Amino acid sequence: MRALPLTLRPFVDTPDTRGIGAQAFKVGGTPSWAQDPEHHRCACGTDLVYLCQVPEGMEFAVPPGQPEQPYSLGDDSYWLFLGNEVYLLACPAHCDPAAVWPVNQN
């Protein structure tokens, strides 16, 4: 993989009738939980809040000459997290720069 610029655009995330947000790469908004919502608490005691998510099957172009990713659906892209959605929850108290918890669902 190689680093590319990340461009964020404004996005209105309107939850559906079940309270589920859009299934997309996004920062903020409403999570699109693949399973039941998860709630976690920081070591400082504060409830963690939803920060961002990476949807299942997020593709990245394969640089020329690089090997095919095992278990992928094609040889022209790499998939991040292969069939899993990843949500990042963070401590709103900012008690520590590393106070982020990843949640994996499929």
C-alpha atoms as a PDB file:
ATOM      1  CA  MET A   1       0.000   0.000   0.000  1.00  0.00           C
ATOM      2  CA  ARG A   2       0.993   3.590  -0.378  1.00  0.00           C
ATOM      3  CA  ALA A   3      -0.096   6.768   1.327  1.00  0.00           C
ATOM      4  CA  LEU A   4      -2.577   8.967  -0.536  1.00  0.00           C
ATOM      5  CA  PRO A   5      -4.220  12.225   0.512  1.00  0.00           C
ATOM      6  CA  LEU A   6      -7.464  11.955   2.444  1.00  0.00           C
ATOM      7  CA  THR A   7     -10.094  14.474   1.422  1.00  0.00           C
ATOM      8  CA  LEU A   8     -13.073  14.929   3.737  1.00  0.00           C
ATOM      9  CA  ARG A   9     -16.310  16.421   2.380  1.00  0.00           C
ATOM     10  CA  PRO A  10     -19.435  17.520   4.258  1.00  0.00           C
ATOM     11  CA  PHE A  11     -21.988  14.722   4.390  1.00  0.00           C
ATOM     12  CA  VAL A  12     -25.471  14.553   5.873  1.00  0.00           C
ATOM     13  CA  ASP A  13     -25.822  11.138   7.481  1.00  0.00           C
ATOM     14  CA  THR A  14     -29.546  10.481   7.831  1.00  0.00           C
ATOM     15  CA  PRO A  15     -30.180   7.344   9.922  1.00  0.00           C
ATOM     16  CA  ASP A  16     -32.745   4.868   8.605  1.00  0.00           C
ATOM     17  CA  THR A  17     -35.852   3.773  10.525  1.00  0.00           C
ATOM     18  CA  ARG A  18     -33.699   1.442  12.677  1.00  0.00           C
ATOM     19  CA  GLY A  19     -31.255   4.247  13.569  1.00  0.00           C
ATOM     20  CA  ILE A  20     -28.509   2.910  11.281  1.00  0.00           C
ATOM     21  CA  GLY A  21     -26.317   5.412   9.420  1.00  0.00           C
ATOM     22  CA  ALA A  22     -24.893   5.185   5.920  1.00  0.00           C
ATOM     23  CA  GLN A  23     -22.487   2.315   5.239  1.00  0.00           C
ATOM     24  CA  ALA A  24     -19.479   4.279   4.015  1.00  0.00           C
ATOM     25  CA  PHE A  25     -16.084   5.509   5.124  1.00  0.00           C
ATOM     26  CA  LYS A  26     -16.973   8.465   7.301  1.00  0.00           C
ATOM     27  CA  VAL A  27     -15.851  10.584  10.206  1.00  0.00           C
ATOM     28  CA  GLY A  28     -18.722  11.436  12.520  1.00  0.00           C
ATOM     29  CA  GLY A  29     -22.382  10.882  11.782  1.00  0.00           C
ATOM     30  CA  THR A  30     -24.223   7.753  12.876  1.00  0.00           C
ATOM     31  CA  PRO A  31     -22.547   4.329  12.861  1.00  0.00           C
ATOM     32  CA  SER A  32     -23.897   1.682  10.475  1.00  0.00           C
ATOM     33  CA  TRP A  33     -23.497  -1.162  12.964  1.00  0.00           C
ATOM     34  CA  ALA A  34     -23.261  -4.506  11.139  1.00  0.00           C
ATOM     35  CA  GLN A  35     -24.434  -6.199  14.342  1.00  0.00           C
ATOM     36  CA  ASP A  36     -25.837  -4.769  17.567  1.00  0.00           C
ATOM     37  CA  PRO A  37     -24.410  -1.414  18.720  1.00  0.00           C
ATOM     38  CA  GLU A  38     -21.476  -1.720  21.112  1.00  0.00           C
ATOM     39  CA  HIS A  39     -20.823   0.544  24.073  1.00  0.00           C
ATOM     40  CA  HIS A  40     -17.430   0.742  25.765  1.00  0.00           C
ATOM     41  CA  ARG A  41     -15.960   2.728  28.613  1.00  0.00           C
ATOM     42  CA  CYS A  42     -12.514   4.338  28.700  1.00  0.00           C
ATOM     43  CA  ALA A  43     -10.023   3.461  31.430  1.00  0.00           C
ATOM     44  CA  CYS A  44     -10.730   6.941  32.877  1.00  0.00           C
ATOM     45  CA  GLY A  45     -14.400   5.959  33.326  1.00  0.00           C
ATOM     46  CA  THR A  46     -15.886   8.070  30.512  1.00  0.00           C
ATOM     47  CA  ASP A  47     -18.217   6.432  27.966  1.00  0.00           C
ATOM     48  CA  LEU A  48     -16.501   6.223  24.577  1.00  0.00           C
ATOM     49  CA  VAL A  49     -18.211   7.935  21.627  1.00  0.00           C
ATOM     50  CA  TYR A  50     -18.356   7.011  17.948  1.00  0.00           C
ATOM     51  CA  LEU A  51     -15.590   8.702  15.945  1.00  0.00           C
ATOM     52  CA  CYS A  52     -15.433   7.079  12.503  1.00  0.00           C
ATOM     53  CA  GLN A  53     -15.857   3.860  10.555  1.00  0.00           C
ATOM     54  CA  VAL A  54     -14.301   1.913   7.696  1.00  0.00           C
ATOM     55  CA  PRO A  55     -16.891  -0.196   5.847  1.00  0.00           C
ATOM     56  CA  GLU A  56     -16.381  -3.781   4.779  1.00  0.00           C
ATOM     57  CA  GLY A  57     -14.805  -4.245   1.376  1.00  0.00           C
ATOM     58  CA  MET A  58     -13.058  -0.856   1.269  1.00  0.00           C
ATOM     59  CA  GLU A  59     -10.848  -1.161  -1.780  1.00  0.00           C
ATOM     60  CA  PHE A  60      -7.422   0.286  -2.536  1.00  0.00           C
ATOM     61  CA  ALA A  61      -5.787   0.114  -5.960  1.00  0.00           C
ATOM     62  CA  VAL A  62      -2.917  -2.356  -6.277  1.00  0.00           C
ATOM     63  CA  PRO A  63       0.314  -0.611  -7.297  1.00  0.00           C
ATOM     64  CA  PRO A  64       1.840  -2.070 -10.490  1.00  0.00           C
ATOM     65  CA  GLY A  65       3.932  -5.190  -9.922  1.00  0.00           C
ATOM     66  CA  GLN A  66       2.524  -5.977  -6.475  1.00  0.00           C
ATOM     67  CA  PRO A  67       1.155  -9.425  -5.541  1.00  0.00           C
ATOM     68  CA  GLU A  68      -2.523 -10.292  -5.461  1.00  0.00           C
ATOM     69  CA  GLN A  69      -4.161 -10.183  -2.040  1.00  0.00           C
ATOM     70  CA  PRO A  70      -5.165 -13.661  -0.828  1.00  0.00           C
ATOM     71  CA  TYR A  71      -8.955 -14.228  -0.601  1.00  0.00           C
ATOM     72  CA  SER A  72      -9.708 -11.039  -2.539  1.00  0.00           C
ATOM     73  CA  LEU A  73     -12.357 -10.820  -5.249  1.00  0.00           C
ATOM     74  CA  GLY A  74      -9.948  -9.500  -7.856  1.00  0.00           C
ATOM     75  CA  ASP A  75      -6.305  -8.853  -8.626  1.00  0.00           C
ATOM     76  CA  ASP A  76      -6.671  -5.096  -9.217  1.00  0.00           C
ATOM     77  CA  SER A  77      -7.412  -4.033  -5.624  1.00  0.00           C
ATOM     78  CA  TYR A  78      -6.560  -4.735  -2.018  1.00  0.00           C
ATOM     79  CA  TRP A  79      -9.411  -4.906   0.504  1.00  0.00           C
ATOM     80  CA  LEU A  80      -9.000  -3.476   3.950  1.00  0.00           C
ATOM     81  CA  PHE A  81     -10.371  -5.708   6.748  1.00  0.00           C
ATOM     82  CA  LEU A  82     -11.797  -8.325   4.282  1.00  0.00           C
ATOM     83  CA  GLY A  83     -15.512  -8.487   5.090  1.00  0.00           C
ATOM     84  CA  ASN A  84     -15.389  -6.705   8.441  1.00  0.00           C
ATOM     85  CA  GLU A  85     -16.554  -3.245   9.369  1.00  0.00           C
ATOM     86  CA  VAL A  86     -14.315  -1.356  11.776  1.00  0.00           C
ATOM     87  CA  TYR A  87     -15.572   1.423  14.026  1.00  0.00           C
ATOM     88  CA  LEU A  88     -13.358   3.672  16.138  1.00  0.00           C
ATOM     89  CA  LEU A  89     -14.683   4.879  19.479  1.00  0.00           C
ATOM     90  CA  ALA A  90     -12.815   7.637  21.312  1.00  0.00           C
ATOM     91  CA  CYS A  91     -12.749   9.201  24.760  1.00  0.00           C
ATOM     92  CA  PRO A  92     -14.487  12.614  24.702  1.00  0.00           C
ATOM     93  CA  ALA A  93     -12.560  13.580  27.860  1.00  0.00           C
ATOM     94  CA  HIS A  94      -9.286  13.401  25.855  1.00  0.00           C
ATOM     95  CA  CYS A  95      -7.657  11.748  28.871  1.00  0.00           C
ATOM     96  CA  ASP A  96      -4.908  10.269  26.675  1.00  0.00           C
ATOM     97  CA  PRO A  97      -3.998  10.630  22.966  1.00  0.00           C
ATOM     98  CA  ALA A  98      -4.300   6.828  22.646  1.00  0.00           C
ATOM     99  CA  ALA A  99      -7.777   6.629  24.220  1.00  0.00           C
ATOM    100  CA  VAL A 100      -9.340   5.074  21.108  1.00  0.00           C
ATOM    101  CA  TRP A 101     -10.989   1.653  20.940  1.00  0.00           C
ATOM    102  CA  PRO A 102     -11.466  -0.288  17.667  1.00  0.00           C
ATOM    103  CA  VAL A 103     -14.649  -2.330  17.272  1.00  0.00           C
ATOM    104  CA  ASN A 104     -14.741  -5.032  14.596  1.00  0.00           C
ATOM    105  CA  GLN A 105     -18.045  -6.447  13.323  1.00  0.00           C
ATOM    106  CA  ASN A 106     -18.983  -8.643  10.355  1.00  0.00           C
END
